[in-house]
Amino acid sequence: MYNGIGLTTPRGSGTNGHVQRNWACVRPGKKDKDYRAEDDTKKLDAQLNRPPNKEILDHDRKRKIEVKCLEFEEILEKEG
């Protein structure tokens, strides 16, 4: 038995225990394509084009100020 498939032992079953895949029930491929309507594409575009996060913009602004302060501090240390 492999992965819970097949006989635990082939003894007394009249077979050698070899397990084969059943190709009689193969699912057909999808022939029809599901194309999106214009309304669906507009909704998706609206989700993609959302406004920026205010907290992230605020963090970036504070980080730029912090970098300028550190640069100014280095300049003052060099001057004495």
PDB file of N, CA and C in Angstrom:
ATOM      1  N   MET A   1       0.855  -1.176   0.000  1.00  0.00           N
ATOM      2  CA  MET A   1       0.000   0.000   0.000  1.00  0.00           C
ATOM      3  C   MET A   1       0.897   1.232   0.000  1.00  0.00           C
ATOM      4  N   TYR A   2       0.618   2.183  -0.911  1.00  0.00           N
ATOM      5  CA  TYR A   2       1.405   3.395  -1.048  1.00  0.00           C
ATOM      6  C   TYR A   2       0.484   4.586  -0.897  1.00  0.00           C
ATOM      7  N   ASN A   3       0.735   5.422   0.111  1.00  0.00           N
ATOM      8  CA  ASN A   3      -0.102   6.594   0.398  1.00  0.00           C
ATOM      9  C   ASN A   3      -1.566   6.217   0.624  1.00  0.00           C
ATOM     10  N   GLY A   4      -1.804   5.053   1.209  1.00  0.00           N
ATOM     11  CA  GLY A   4      -3.170   4.643   1.503  1.00  0.00           C
ATOM     12  C   GLY A   4      -3.936   4.161   0.286  1.00  0.00           C
ATOM     13  N   ILE A   5      -3.249   3.902  -0.831  1.00  0.00           N
ATOM     14  CA  ILE A   5      -3.904   3.464  -2.064  1.00  0.00           C
ATOM     15  C   ILE A   5      -3.495   2.030  -2.333  1.00  0.00           C
ATOM     16  N   GLY A   6      -4.453   1.225  -2.712  1.00  0.00           N
ATOM     17  CA  GLY A   6      -4.152  -0.147  -3.099  1.00  0.00           C
ATOM     18  C   GLY A   6      -4.416  -1.126  -1.980  1.00  0.00           C
ATOM     19  N   LEU A   7      -3.995  -2.341  -2.218  1.00  0.00           N
ATOM     20  CA  LEU A   7      -4.198  -3.412  -1.251  1.00  0.00           C
ATOM     21  C   LEU A   7      -3.096  -3.399  -0.214  1.00  0.00           C
ATOM     22  N   THR A   8      -3.441  -3.745   1.003  1.00  0.00           N
ATOM     23  CA  THR A   8      -2.397  -3.848   2.023  1.00  0.00           C
ATOM     24  C   THR A   8      -1.489  -5.014   1.714  1.00  0.00           C
ATOM     25  N   THR A   9      -2.061  -6.092   1.187  1.00  0.00           N
ATOM     26  CA  THR A   9      -1.277  -7.236   0.736  1.00  0.00           C
ATOM     27  C   THR A   9      -1.977  -7.846  -0.470  1.00  0.00           C
ATOM     28  N   PRO A  10      -1.234  -8.228  -1.494  1.00  0.00           N
ATOM     29  CA  PRO A  10      -1.872  -8.810  -2.686  1.00  0.00           C
ATOM     30  C   PRO A  10      -2.227 -10.287  -2.518  1.00  0.00           C
ATOM     31  N   ARG A  11      -1.917 -10.876  -1.389  1.00  0.00           N
ATOM     32  CA  ARG A  11      -2.164 -12.313  -1.196  1.00  0.00           C
ATOM     33  C   ARG A  11      -3.658 -12.599  -1.212  1.00  0.00           C
ATOM     34  N   GLY A  12      -4.033 -13.540  -2.027  1.00  0.00           N
ATOM     35  CA  GLY A  12      -5.418 -13.986  -2.083  1.00  0.00           C
ATOM     36  C   GLY A  12      -6.326 -13.106  -2.916  1.00  0.00           C
ATOM     37  N   SER A  13      -5.802 -12.059  -3.545  1.00  0.00           N
ATOM     38  CA  SER A  13      -6.650 -11.166  -4.322  1.00  0.00           C
ATOM     39  C   SER A  13      -6.656 -11.526  -5.803  1.00  0.00           C
ATOM     40  N   GLY A  14      -5.728 -12.361  -6.240  1.00  0.00           N
ATOM     41  CA  GLY A  14      -5.662 -12.712  -7.650  1.00  0.00           C
ATOM     42  C   GLY A  14      -4.938 -11.663  -8.469  1.00  0.00           C
ATOM     43  N   THR A  15      -4.298 -10.694  -7.815  1.00  0.00           N
ATOM     44  CA  THR A  15      -3.528  -9.670  -8.523  1.00  0.00           C
ATOM     45  C   THR A  15      -2.117  -9.654  -7.947  1.00  0.00           C
ATOM     46  N   ASN A  16      -1.259  -8.911  -8.590  1.00  0.00           N
ATOM     47  CA  ASN A  16       0.096  -8.782  -8.069  1.00  0.00           C
ATOM     48  C   ASN A  16       0.243  -7.550  -7.173  1.00  0.00           C
ATOM     49  N   GLY A  17      -0.839  -6.781  -6.989  1.00  0.00           N
ATOM     50  CA  GLY A  17      -0.801  -5.627  -6.107  1.00  0.00           C
ATOM     51  C   GLY A  17      -0.389  -4.338  -6.777  1.00  0.00           C
ATOM     52  N   HIS A  18      -0.134  -4.371  -8.090  1.00  0.00           N
ATOM     53  CA  HIS A  18       0.276  -3.166  -8.812  1.00  0.00           C
ATOM     54  C   HIS A  18      -0.913  -2.228  -8.962  1.00  0.00           C
ATOM     55  N   VAL A  19      -0.757  -0.958  -8.611  1.00  0.00           N
ATOM     56  CA  VAL A  19      -1.833   0.027  -8.661  1.00  0.00           C
ATOM     57  C   VAL A  19      -1.618   0.919  -9.869  1.00  0.00           C
ATOM     58  N   GLN A  20      -2.679   1.110 -10.668  1.00  0.00           N
ATOM     59  CA  GLN A  20      -2.612   1.973 -11.836  1.00  0.00           C
ATOM     60  C   GLN A  20      -3.624   3.091 -11.700  1.00  0.00           C
ATOM     61  N   ARG A  21      -3.340   4.193 -12.368  1.00  0.00           N
ATOM     62  CA  ARG A  21      -4.257   5.318 -12.364  1.00  0.00           C
ATOM     63  C   ARG A  21      -5.407   5.036 -13.332  1.00  0.00           C
ATOM     64  N   ASN A  22      -6.612   5.434 -12.969  1.00  0.00           N
ATOM     65  CA  ASN A  22      -7.788   5.240 -13.807  1.00  0.00           C
ATOM     66  C   ASN A  22      -7.939   6.436 -14.741  1.00  0.00           C
ATOM     67  N   TRP A  23      -7.661   6.241 -16.026  1.00  0.00           N
ATOM     68  CA  TRP A  23      -7.782   7.313 -17.008  1.00  0.00           C
ATOM     69  C   TRP A  23      -9.167   7.360 -17.648  1.00  0.00           C
ATOM     70  N   ALA A  24     -10.092   6.547 -17.177  1.00  0.00           N
ATOM     71  CA  ALA A  24     -11.434   6.522 -17.753  1.00  0.00           C
ATOM     72  C   ALA A  24     -12.218   7.765 -17.377  1.00  0.00           C
ATOM     73  N   CYS A  25     -11.845   8.401 -16.300  1.00  0.00           N
ATOM     74  CA  CYS A  25     -12.602   9.565 -15.823  1.00  0.00           C
ATOM     75  C   CYS A  25     -11.697  10.800 -15.827  1.00  0.00           C
ATOM     76  N   VAL A  26     -11.132  11.127 -16.977  1.00  0.00           N
ATOM     77  CA  VAL A  26     -10.273  12.302 -17.096  1.00  0.00           C
ATOM     78  C   VAL A  26     -11.157  13.517 -17.326  1.00  0.00           C
ATOM     79  N   ARG A  27     -10.958  14.549 -16.545  1.00  0.00           N
ATOM     80  CA  ARG A  27     -11.756  15.762 -16.689  1.00  0.00           C
ATOM     81  C   ARG A  27     -11.328  16.522 -17.929  1.00  0.00           C
ATOM     82  N   PRO A  28     -12.283  16.954 -18.730  1.00  0.00           N
ATOM     83  CA  PRO A  28     -11.919  17.723 -19.928  1.00  0.00           C
ATOM     84  C   PRO A  28     -11.423  19.113 -19.533  1.00  0.00           C
ATOM     85  N   GLY A  29     -10.563  19.667 -20.378  1.00  0.00           N
ATOM     86  CA  GLY A  29     -10.044  21.005 -20.125  1.00  0.00           C
ATOM     87  C   GLY A  29     -11.127  22.047 -20.300  1.00  0.00           C
ATOM     88  N   LYS A  30     -10.895  23.204 -19.752  1.00  0.00           N
ATOM     89  CA  LYS A  30     -11.875  24.275 -19.833  1.00  0.00           C
ATOM     90  C   LYS A  30     -11.781  24.924 -21.215  1.00  0.00           C
ATOM     91  N   LYS A  31     -12.857  24.819 -21.980  1.00  0.00           N
ATOM     92  CA  LYS A  31     -12.841  25.350 -23.338  1.00  0.00           C
ATOM     93  C   LYS A  31     -13.278  26.807 -23.396  1.00  0.00           C
ATOM     94  N   ASP A  32     -14.227  27.175 -22.561  1.00  0.00           N
ATOM     95  CA  ASP A  32     -14.717  28.552 -22.570  1.00  0.00           C
ATOM     96  C   ASP A  32     -13.853  29.414 -21.660  1.00  0.00           C
ATOM     97  N   LYS A  33     -13.475  30.558 -22.147  1.00  0.00           N
ATOM     98  CA  LYS A  33     -12.690  31.496 -21.351  1.00  0.00           C
ATOM     99  C   LYS A  33     -13.638  32.460 -20.654  1.00  0.00           C
ATOM    100  N   ASP A  34     -13.371  32.727 -19.402  1.00  0.00           N
ATOM    101  CA  ASP A  34     -14.166  33.699 -18.663  1.00  0.00           C
ATOM    102  C   ASP A  34     -13.471  35.052 -18.745  1.00  0.00           C
ATOM    103  N   TYR A  35     -13.928  35.888 -19.666  1.00  0.00           N
ATOM    104  CA  TYR A  35     -13.354  37.211 -19.801  1.00  0.00           C
ATOM    105  C   TYR A  35     -14.084  38.159 -18.866  1.00  0.00           C
ATOM    106  N   ARG A  36     -13.361  39.092 -18.343  1.00  0.00           N
ATOM    107  CA  ARG A  36     -13.957  40.037 -17.402  1.00  0.00           C
ATOM    108  C   ARG A  36     -14.731  41.115 -18.160  1.00  0.00           C
ATOM    109  N   ALA A  37     -15.822  41.525 -17.565  1.00  0.00           N
ATOM    110  CA  ALA A  37     -16.617  42.593 -18.152  1.00  0.00           C
ATOM    111  C   ALA A  37     -15.966  43.937 -17.826  1.00  0.00           C
ATOM    112  N   GLU A  38     -16.413  44.977 -18.479  1.00  0.00           N
ATOM    113  CA  GLU A  38     -15.832  46.301 -18.253  1.00  0.00           C
ATOM    114  C   GLU A  38     -16.074  46.775 -16.831  1.00  0.00           C
ATOM    115  N   ASP A  39     -17.227  46.409 -16.264  1.00  0.00           N
ATOM    116  CA  ASP A  39     -17.516  46.804 -14.885  1.00  0.00           C
ATOM    117  C   ASP A  39     -16.513  46.177 -13.920  1.00  0.00           C
ATOM    118  N   ASP A  40     -16.184  44.898 -14.163  1.00  0.00           N
ATOM    119  CA  ASP A  40     -15.218  44.212 -13.289  1.00  0.00           C
ATOM    120  C   ASP A  40     -13.839  44.851 -13.384  1.00  0.00           C
ATOM    121  N   THR A  41     -13.419  45.218 -14.601  1.00  0.00           N
ATOM    122  CA  THR A  41     -12.097  45.829 -14.753  1.00  0.00           C
ATOM    123  C   THR A  41     -12.055  47.203 -14.106  1.00  0.00           C
ATOM    124  N   LYS A  42     -13.161  47.938 -14.163  1.00  0.00           N
ATOM    125  CA  LYS A  42     -13.203  49.255 -13.514  1.00  0.00           C
ATOM    126  C   LYS A  42     -13.096  49.118 -12.005  1.00  0.00           C
ATOM    127  N   LYS A  43     -13.753  48.108 -11.436  1.00  0.00           N
ATOM    128  CA  LYS A  43     -13.675  47.879  -9.999  1.00  0.00           C
ATOM    129  C   LYS A  43     -12.252  47.513  -9.583  1.00  0.00           C
ATOM    130  N   LEU A  44     -11.608  46.660 -10.386  1.00  0.00           N
ATOM    131  CA  LEU A  44     -10.229  46.262 -10.068  1.00  0.00           C
ATOM    132  C   LEU A  44      -9.278  47.452 -10.184  1.00  0.00           C
ATOM    133  N   ASP A  45      -9.470  48.285 -11.198  1.00  0.00           N
ATOM    134  CA  ASP A  45      -8.625  49.472 -11.346  1.00  0.00           C
ATOM    135  C   ASP A  45      -8.817  50.429 -10.180  1.00  0.00           C
ATOM    136  N   ALA A  46     -10.053  50.539  -9.708  1.00  0.00           N
ATOM    137  CA  ALA A  46     -10.321  51.425  -8.572  1.00  0.00           C
ATOM    138  C   ALA A  46      -9.615  50.906  -7.312  1.00  0.00           C
ATOM    139  N   GLN A  47      -9.538  49.602  -7.159  1.00  0.00           N
ATOM    140  CA  GLN A  47      -8.850  49.039  -6.001  1.00  0.00           C
ATOM    141  C   GLN A  47      -7.347  49.262  -6.101  1.00  0.00           C
ATOM    142  N   LEU A  48      -6.808  49.210  -7.306  1.00  0.00           N
ATOM    143  CA  LEU A  48      -5.368  49.388  -7.488  1.00  0.00           C
ATOM    144  C   LEU A  48      -4.949  50.844  -7.322  1.00  0.00           C
ATOM    145  N   ASN A  49      -5.807  51.761  -7.713  1.00  0.00           N
ATOM    146  CA  ASN A  49      -5.474  53.184  -7.675  1.00  0.00           C
ATOM    147  C   ASN A  49      -6.027  53.841  -6.413  1.00  0.00           C
ATOM    148  N   ARG A  50      -5.706  53.289  -5.284  1.00  0.00           N
ATOM    149  CA  ARG A  50      -6.184  53.864  -4.031  1.00  0.00           C
ATOM    150  C   ARG A  50      -5.206  54.933  -3.548  1.00  0.00           C
ATOM    151  N   PRO A  51      -5.654  55.839  -2.695  1.00  0.00           N
ATOM    152  CA  PRO A  51      -4.780  56.910  -2.206  1.00  0.00           C
ATOM    153  C   PRO A  51      -3.690  56.351  -1.290  1.00  0.00           C
ATOM    154  N   PRO A  52      -2.552  57.042  -1.188  1.00  0.00           N
ATOM    155  CA  PRO A  52      -1.460  56.550  -0.347  1.00  0.00           C
ATOM    156  C   PRO A  52      -1.830  56.596   1.130  1.00  0.00           C
ATOM    157  N   ASN A  53      -1.174  55.756   1.896  1.00  0.00           N
ATOM    158  CA  ASN A  53      -1.420  55.678   3.334  1.00  0.00           C
ATOM    159  C   ASN A  53      -0.798  56.894   4.022  1.00  0.00           C
ATOM    160  N   LYS A  54      -1.591  57.613   4.792  1.00  0.00           N
ATOM    161  CA  LYS A  54      -1.125  58.841   5.444  1.00  0.00           C
ATOM    162  C   LYS A  54      -0.052  58.541   6.488  1.00  0.00           C
ATOM    163  N   GLU A  55      -0.174  57.426   7.184  1.00  0.00           N
ATOM    164  CA  GLU A  55       0.826  57.077   8.205  1.00  0.00           C
ATOM    165  C   GLU A  55       2.196  56.826   7.573  1.00  0.00           C
ATOM    166  N   ILE A  56       2.201  56.174   6.407  1.00  0.00           N
ATOM    167  CA  ILE A  56       3.475  55.906   5.730  1.00  0.00           C
ATOM    168  C   ILE A  56       4.100  57.212   5.240  1.00  0.00           C
ATOM    169  N   LEU A  57       3.285  58.106   4.678  1.00  0.00           N
ATOM    170  CA  LEU A  57       3.809  59.394   4.216  1.00  0.00           C
ATOM    171  C   LEU A  57       4.357  60.206   5.385  1.00  0.00           C
ATOM    172  N   ASP A  58       3.664  60.170   6.518  1.00  0.00           N
ATOM    173  CA  ASP A  58       4.125  60.886   7.710  1.00  0.00           C
ATOM    174  C   ASP A  58       5.447  60.312   8.208  1.00  0.00           C
ATOM    175  N   HIS A  59       5.561  58.982   8.179  1.00  0.00           N
ATOM    176  CA  HIS A  59       6.803  58.338   8.613  1.00  0.00           C
ATOM    177  C   HIS A  59       7.970  58.734   7.699  1.00  0.00           C
ATOM    178  N   ASP A  60       7.747  58.752   6.391  1.00  0.00           N
ATOM    179  CA  ASP A  60       8.793  59.155   5.449  1.00  0.00           C
ATOM    180  C   ASP A  60       9.228  60.600   5.698  1.00  0.00           C
ATOM    181  N   ARG A  61       8.268  61.481   5.944  1.00  0.00           N
ATOM    182  CA  ARG A  61       8.594  62.887   6.211  1.00  0.00           C
ATOM    183  C   ARG A  61       9.441  63.013   7.475  1.00  0.00           C
ATOM    184  N   LYS A  62       9.061  62.291   8.532  1.00  0.00           N
ATOM    185  CA  LYS A  62       9.831  62.326   9.778  1.00  0.00           C
ATOM    186  C   LYS A  62      11.219  61.743   9.580  1.00  0.00           C
ATOM    187  N   ARG A  63      11.336  60.705   8.773  1.00  0.00           N
ATOM    188  CA  ARG A  63      12.644  60.083   8.522  1.00  0.00           C
ATOM    189  C   ARG A  63      13.563  61.053   7.776  1.00  0.00           C
ATOM    190  N   LYS A  64      13.032  61.793   6.807  1.00  0.00           N
ATOM    191  CA  LYS A  64      13.845  62.776   6.091  1.00  0.00           C
ATOM    192  C   LYS A  64      14.346  63.862   7.034  1.00  0.00           C
ATOM    193  N   ILE A  65      13.487  64.307   7.946  1.00  0.00           N
ATOM    194  CA  ILE A  65      13.900  65.324   8.926  1.00  0.00           C
ATOM    195  C   ILE A  65      14.990  64.765   9.827  1.00  0.00           C
ATOM    196  N   GLU A  66      14.855  63.514  10.239  1.00  0.00           N
ATOM    197  CA  GLU A  66      15.854  62.881  11.108  1.00  0.00           C
ATOM    198  C   GLU A  66      17.196  62.770  10.398  1.00  0.00           C
ATOM    199  N   VAL A  67      17.187  62.434   9.126  1.00  0.00           N
ATOM    200  CA  VAL A  67      18.435  62.326   8.360  1.00  0.00           C
ATOM    201  C   VAL A  67      19.108  63.688   8.249  1.00  0.00           C
ATOM    202  N   LYS A  68      18.333  64.730   7.989  1.00  0.00           N
ATOM    203  CA  LYS A  68      18.905  66.080   7.904  1.00  0.00           C
ATOM    204  C   LYS A  68      19.507  66.509   9.240  1.00  0.00           C
ATOM    205  N   CYS A  69      18.833  66.159  10.342  1.00  0.00           N
ATOM    206  CA  CYS A  69      19.366  66.502  11.668  1.00  0.00           C
ATOM    207  C   CYS A  69      20.692  65.781  11.926  1.00  0.00           C
ATOM    208  N   LEU A  70      20.784  64.505  11.539  1.00  0.00           N
ATOM    209  CA  LEU A  70      22.033  63.758  11.734  1.00  0.00           C
ATOM    210  C   LEU A  70      23.161  64.330  10.878  1.00  0.00           C
ATOM    211  N   GLU A  71      22.857  64.734   9.649  1.00  0.00           N
ATOM    212  CA  GLU A  71      23.878  65.345   8.795  1.00  0.00           C
ATOM    213  C   GLU A  71      24.354  66.665   9.396  1.00  0.00           C
ATOM    214  N   PHE A  72      23.427  67.454   9.886  1.00  0.00           N
ATOM    215  CA  PHE A  72      23.795  68.732  10.505  1.00  0.00           C
ATOM    216  C   PHE A  72      24.617  68.493  11.770  1.00  0.00           C
ATOM    217  N   GLU A  73      24.282  67.459  12.534  1.00  0.00           N
ATOM    218  CA  GLU A  73      25.030  67.121  13.747  1.00  0.00           C
ATOM    219  C   GLU A  73      26.468  66.735  13.402  1.00  0.00           C
ATOM    220  N   GLU A  74      26.651  65.969  12.325  1.00  0.00           N
ATOM    221  CA  GLU A  74      28.008  65.594  11.886  1.00  0.00           C
ATOM    222  C   GLU A  74      28.810  66.827  11.481  1.00  0.00           C
ATOM    223  N   ILE A  75      28.161  67.754  10.792  1.00  0.00           N
ATOM    224  CA  ILE A  75      28.851  68.979  10.371  1.00  0.00           C
ATOM    225  C   ILE A  75      29.302  69.781  11.591  1.00  0.00           C
ATOM    226  N   LEU A  76      28.431  69.898  12.593  1.00  0.00           N
ATOM    227  CA  LEU A  76      28.766  70.640  13.800  1.00  0.00           C
ATOM    228  C   LEU A  76      29.883  69.967  14.590  1.00  0.00           C
ATOM    229  N   GLU A  77      29.914  68.608  14.602  1.00  0.00           N
ATOM    230  CA  GLU A  77      30.988  67.901  15.311  1.00  0.00           C
ATOM    231  C   GLU A  77      32.338  68.118  14.630  1.00  0.00           C
ATOM    232  N   LYS A  78      32.328  68.183  13.285  1.00  0.00           N
ATOM    233  CA  LYS A  78      33.576  68.416  12.565  1.00  0.00           C
ATOM    234  C   LYS A  78      34.114  69.823  12.842  1.00  0.00           C
ATOM    235  N   GLU A  79      33.229  70.796  12.965  1.00  0.00           N
ATOM    236  CA  GLU A  79      33.653  72.172  13.219  1.00  0.00           C
ATOM    237  C   GLU A  79      34.117  72.356  14.671  1.00  0.00           C
ATOM    238  N   GLY A  80      33.577  71.581  15.543  1.00  0.00           N
ATOM    239  CA  GLY A  80      34.034  71.666  16.934  1.00  0.00           C
ATOM    240  C   GLY A  80      33.061  72.190  17.832  1.00  0.00           C
TER     241      GLY A  80
END
